Each structure stands twice: as structure tokens, then as C-alpha cells.
């Protein structure tokens, strides 16, 4: 299952900043570890942190991380 919903992206961002491992995040959100890693990579590339993401709309998060979608 892909974890590309903004709520899941926001949760991965929050858990990353709290120091959780990719495996722990994947289990918590019920998606693959590689998907967690991909979202973390996209967030780093876009310099998107939890604080900023938490005030963005769902569409803004999706457009930032997946501009070609």
C-alpha cells in the first residue's frame, strides 16, 4: 500500500523529527519501509519539515512533493 496521502506524509515527517526508525514508521502507518524512505527523501529535497507541513493544505503538500502528478 502506498503512503502518499498528506496525512500519512505529515505523520512520517513528525515521526522522523522524533527519531523513529523507518521500520517503526512503516509499521505504525501500515506501509512499506521503502515508501517511508522515499517520502523522507522527497521531504528533504523540498526542505519540508513537520512544522511547515502542518500548516499546509493537503493539496499544497501533494503539489510540493509530487509536482508531476
N, C-alpha and C. Protein backbone atom coordinates (compact mmCIF):
# COMPACT_ATOMS: atom_id res chain seq x y z
N UNK A 1 0.83 -1.18 0.00
CA UNK A 1 0.00 0.00 0.00
C UNK A 1 0.88 1.25 0.00
N UNK A 2 0.60 2.14 -0.91
CA UNK A 2 1.35 3.38 -0.99
C UNK A 2 0.88 4.35 0.08
N UNK A 3 1.82 5.05 0.66
CA UNK A 3 1.50 6.05 1.69
C UNK A 3 1.73 7.43 1.11
N UNK A 4 0.84 7.87 0.27
CA UNK A 4 1.03 9.17 -0.37
C UNK A 4 -0.03 10.18 0.03
N UNK A 5 -0.89 9.81 0.95
CA UNK A 5 -1.89 10.76 1.42
C UNK A 5 -1.20 11.79 2.32
N UNK A 6 -1.61 13.05 2.23
CA UNK A 6 -0.97 14.09 3.05
C UNK A 6 -0.94 13.79 4.54
N UNK A 7 -1.97 13.14 5.06
CA UNK A 7 -1.98 12.80 6.49
C UNK A 7 -0.84 11.84 6.80
N UNK A 8 -0.59 10.88 5.92
CA UNK A 8 0.50 9.92 6.13
C UNK A 8 1.85 10.60 5.96
N UNK A 9 1.96 11.49 5.00
CA UNK A 9 3.20 12.24 4.79
C UNK A 9 3.50 13.09 6.02
N UNK A 10 2.49 13.74 6.54
CA UNK A 10 2.64 14.56 7.74
C UNK A 10 3.09 13.71 8.93
N UNK A 11 2.51 12.53 9.06
CA UNK A 11 2.88 11.64 10.17
C UNK A 11 4.32 11.16 10.02
N UNK A 12 4.75 10.83 8.81
CA UNK A 12 6.13 10.42 8.58
C UNK A 12 7.08 11.56 8.92
N UNK A 13 6.72 12.77 8.54
CA UNK A 13 7.54 13.93 8.87
C UNK A 13 7.66 14.11 10.38
N UNK A 14 6.55 13.99 11.07
CA UNK A 14 6.54 14.14 12.54
C UNK A 14 7.38 13.06 13.21
N UNK A 15 7.18 11.82 12.80
CA UNK A 15 7.91 10.71 13.41
C UNK A 15 9.41 10.77 13.09
N UNK A 16 9.75 11.25 11.90
CA UNK A 16 11.15 11.42 11.53
C UNK A 16 11.83 12.39 12.49
N UNK A 17 11.18 13.51 12.74
CA UNK A 17 11.75 14.52 13.63
C UNK A 17 11.83 14.03 15.07
N UNK A 18 11.02 13.05 15.42
CA UNK A 18 11.07 12.48 16.77
C UNK A 18 12.07 11.33 16.88
N UNK A 19 12.71 10.98 15.76
CA UNK A 19 13.78 10.00 15.79
C UNK A 19 13.36 8.55 15.59
N UNK A 20 12.15 8.31 15.12
CA UNK A 20 11.71 6.93 14.87
C UNK A 20 12.44 6.36 13.66
N UNK A 21 12.61 5.06 13.65
CA UNK A 21 13.25 4.39 12.51
C UNK A 21 12.23 4.23 11.38
N UNK A 22 12.74 3.99 10.17
CA UNK A 22 11.85 3.75 9.04
C UNK A 22 10.96 2.54 9.29
N UNK A 23 11.52 1.52 9.89
CA UNK A 23 10.74 0.31 10.18
C UNK A 23 9.60 0.62 11.15
N UNK A 24 9.89 1.38 12.20
CA UNK A 24 8.84 1.74 13.17
C UNK A 24 7.74 2.57 12.51
N UNK A 25 8.15 3.50 11.65
CA UNK A 25 7.17 4.33 10.96
C UNK A 25 6.31 3.49 10.03
N UNK A 26 6.93 2.61 9.28
CA UNK A 26 6.20 1.76 8.34
C UNK A 26 5.17 0.91 9.07
N UNK A 27 5.54 0.36 10.21
CA UNK A 27 4.61 -0.44 10.99
C UNK A 27 3.47 0.42 11.53
N UNK A 28 3.78 1.60 12.00
CA UNK A 28 2.77 2.49 12.57
C UNK A 28 1.75 2.94 11.52
N UNK A 29 2.24 3.25 10.32
CA UNK A 29 1.39 3.80 9.28
C UNK A 29 0.84 2.71 8.36
N UNK A 30 1.40 1.51 8.49
CA UNK A 30 0.99 0.36 7.68
C UNK A 30 1.31 0.55 6.20
N UNK A 31 2.58 0.82 5.95
CA UNK A 31 3.07 0.90 4.58
C UNK A 31 4.50 0.35 4.56
N UNK A 32 5.10 0.29 3.40
CA UNK A 32 6.43 -0.28 3.27
C UNK A 32 7.54 0.65 3.76
N UNK A 33 8.61 0.04 4.22
CA UNK A 33 9.77 0.80 4.69
C UNK A 33 10.37 1.63 3.56
N UNK A 34 10.37 1.07 2.36
CA UNK A 34 10.93 1.81 1.22
C UNK A 34 10.07 3.02 0.87
N UNK A 35 8.77 2.92 1.09
CA UNK A 35 7.89 4.06 0.86
C UNK A 35 8.17 5.16 1.87
N UNK A 36 8.40 4.79 3.12
CA UNK A 36 8.77 5.77 4.15
C UNK A 36 10.05 6.47 3.73
N UNK A 37 11.04 5.70 3.28
CA UNK A 37 12.31 6.28 2.84
C UNK A 37 12.14 7.22 1.66
N UNK A 38 11.27 6.87 0.73
CA UNK A 38 11.02 7.73 -0.43
C UNK A 38 10.37 9.05 -0.01
N UNK A 39 9.42 8.99 0.89
CA UNK A 39 8.78 10.21 1.37
C UNK A 39 9.78 11.07 2.14
N UNK A 40 10.63 10.44 2.96
CA UNK A 40 11.66 11.19 3.67
C UNK A 40 12.60 11.88 2.68
N UNK A 41 12.96 11.18 1.62
CA UNK A 41 13.84 11.75 0.60
C UNK A 41 13.19 12.95 -0.08
N UNK A 42 11.91 12.82 -0.42
CA UNK A 42 11.20 13.92 -1.06
C UNK A 42 11.08 15.12 -0.11
N UNK A 43 10.82 14.85 1.16
CA UNK A 43 10.72 15.93 2.15
C UNK A 43 12.06 16.66 2.30
N UNK A 44 13.16 15.90 2.33
CA UNK A 44 14.49 16.53 2.43
C UNK A 44 14.77 17.38 1.20
N UNK A 45 14.47 16.84 0.01
CA UNK A 45 14.71 17.55 -1.24
C UNK A 45 13.95 18.88 -1.28
N UNK A 46 12.71 18.86 -0.77
CA UNK A 46 11.87 20.06 -0.77
C UNK A 46 12.04 20.89 0.49
N UNK A 47 12.92 20.43 1.39
CA UNK A 47 13.15 21.10 2.67
C UNK A 47 11.84 21.28 3.44
N UNK A 48 11.04 20.21 3.44
CA UNK A 48 9.75 20.24 4.12
C UNK A 48 9.87 19.58 5.48
N UNK A 49 9.63 20.35 6.52
CA UNK A 49 9.67 19.86 7.89
C UNK A 49 8.25 19.82 8.44
N UNK A 50 8.09 19.12 9.55
CA UNK A 50 6.76 18.93 10.13
C UNK A 50 6.06 20.26 10.42
N UNK A 51 6.76 21.20 11.00
CA UNK A 51 6.12 22.47 11.37
C UNK A 51 5.50 23.16 10.15
N UNK A 52 6.24 23.21 9.07
CA UNK A 52 5.73 23.84 7.85
C UNK A 52 4.61 23.01 7.23
N UNK A 53 4.79 21.71 7.19
CA UNK A 53 3.79 20.82 6.59
C UNK A 53 2.47 20.86 7.35
N UNK A 54 2.55 21.05 8.66
CA UNK A 54 1.34 21.01 9.48
C UNK A 54 0.39 22.18 9.21
N UNK A 55 0.89 23.25 8.61
CA UNK A 55 0.02 24.39 8.31
C UNK A 55 -0.33 24.47 6.82
N UNK A 56 0.14 23.50 6.04
CA UNK A 56 -0.16 23.46 4.61
C UNK A 56 -1.45 22.68 4.38
N UNK A 57 -2.12 22.98 3.27
CA UNK A 57 -3.29 22.20 2.89
C UNK A 57 -2.82 20.87 2.29
N UNK A 58 -3.74 19.92 2.20
CA UNK A 58 -3.42 18.63 1.60
C UNK A 58 -2.93 18.80 0.17
N UNK A 59 -3.60 19.66 -0.59
CA UNK A 59 -3.20 19.89 -1.98
C UNK A 59 -1.81 20.51 -2.08
N UNK A 60 -1.48 21.41 -1.18
CA UNK A 60 -0.15 22.04 -1.19
C UNK A 60 0.94 21.01 -0.92
N UNK A 61 0.70 20.11 0.02
CA UNK A 61 1.68 19.07 0.32
C UNK A 61 1.88 18.17 -0.88
N UNK A 62 0.78 17.73 -1.48
CA UNK A 62 0.88 16.85 -2.65
C UNK A 62 1.59 17.54 -3.82
N UNK A 63 1.25 18.80 -4.07
CA UNK A 63 1.88 19.52 -5.18
C UNK A 63 3.37 19.73 -4.96
N UNK A 64 3.76 19.95 -3.72
CA UNK A 64 5.17 20.15 -3.40
C UNK A 64 5.97 18.87 -3.59
N UNK A 65 5.46 17.76 -3.06
CA UNK A 65 6.21 16.50 -3.10
C UNK A 65 6.04 15.73 -4.40
N UNK A 66 4.91 15.91 -5.06
CA UNK A 66 4.62 15.19 -6.31
C UNK A 66 4.18 16.17 -7.38
N UNK A 67 5.09 17.04 -7.85
CA UNK A 67 4.70 18.09 -8.79
C UNK A 67 4.23 17.58 -10.15
N UNK A 68 4.64 16.40 -10.56
CA UNK A 68 4.27 15.88 -11.87
C UNK A 68 2.99 15.07 -11.85
N UNK A 69 2.35 14.97 -10.70
CA UNK A 69 1.14 14.15 -10.59
C UNK A 69 -0.09 14.90 -11.01
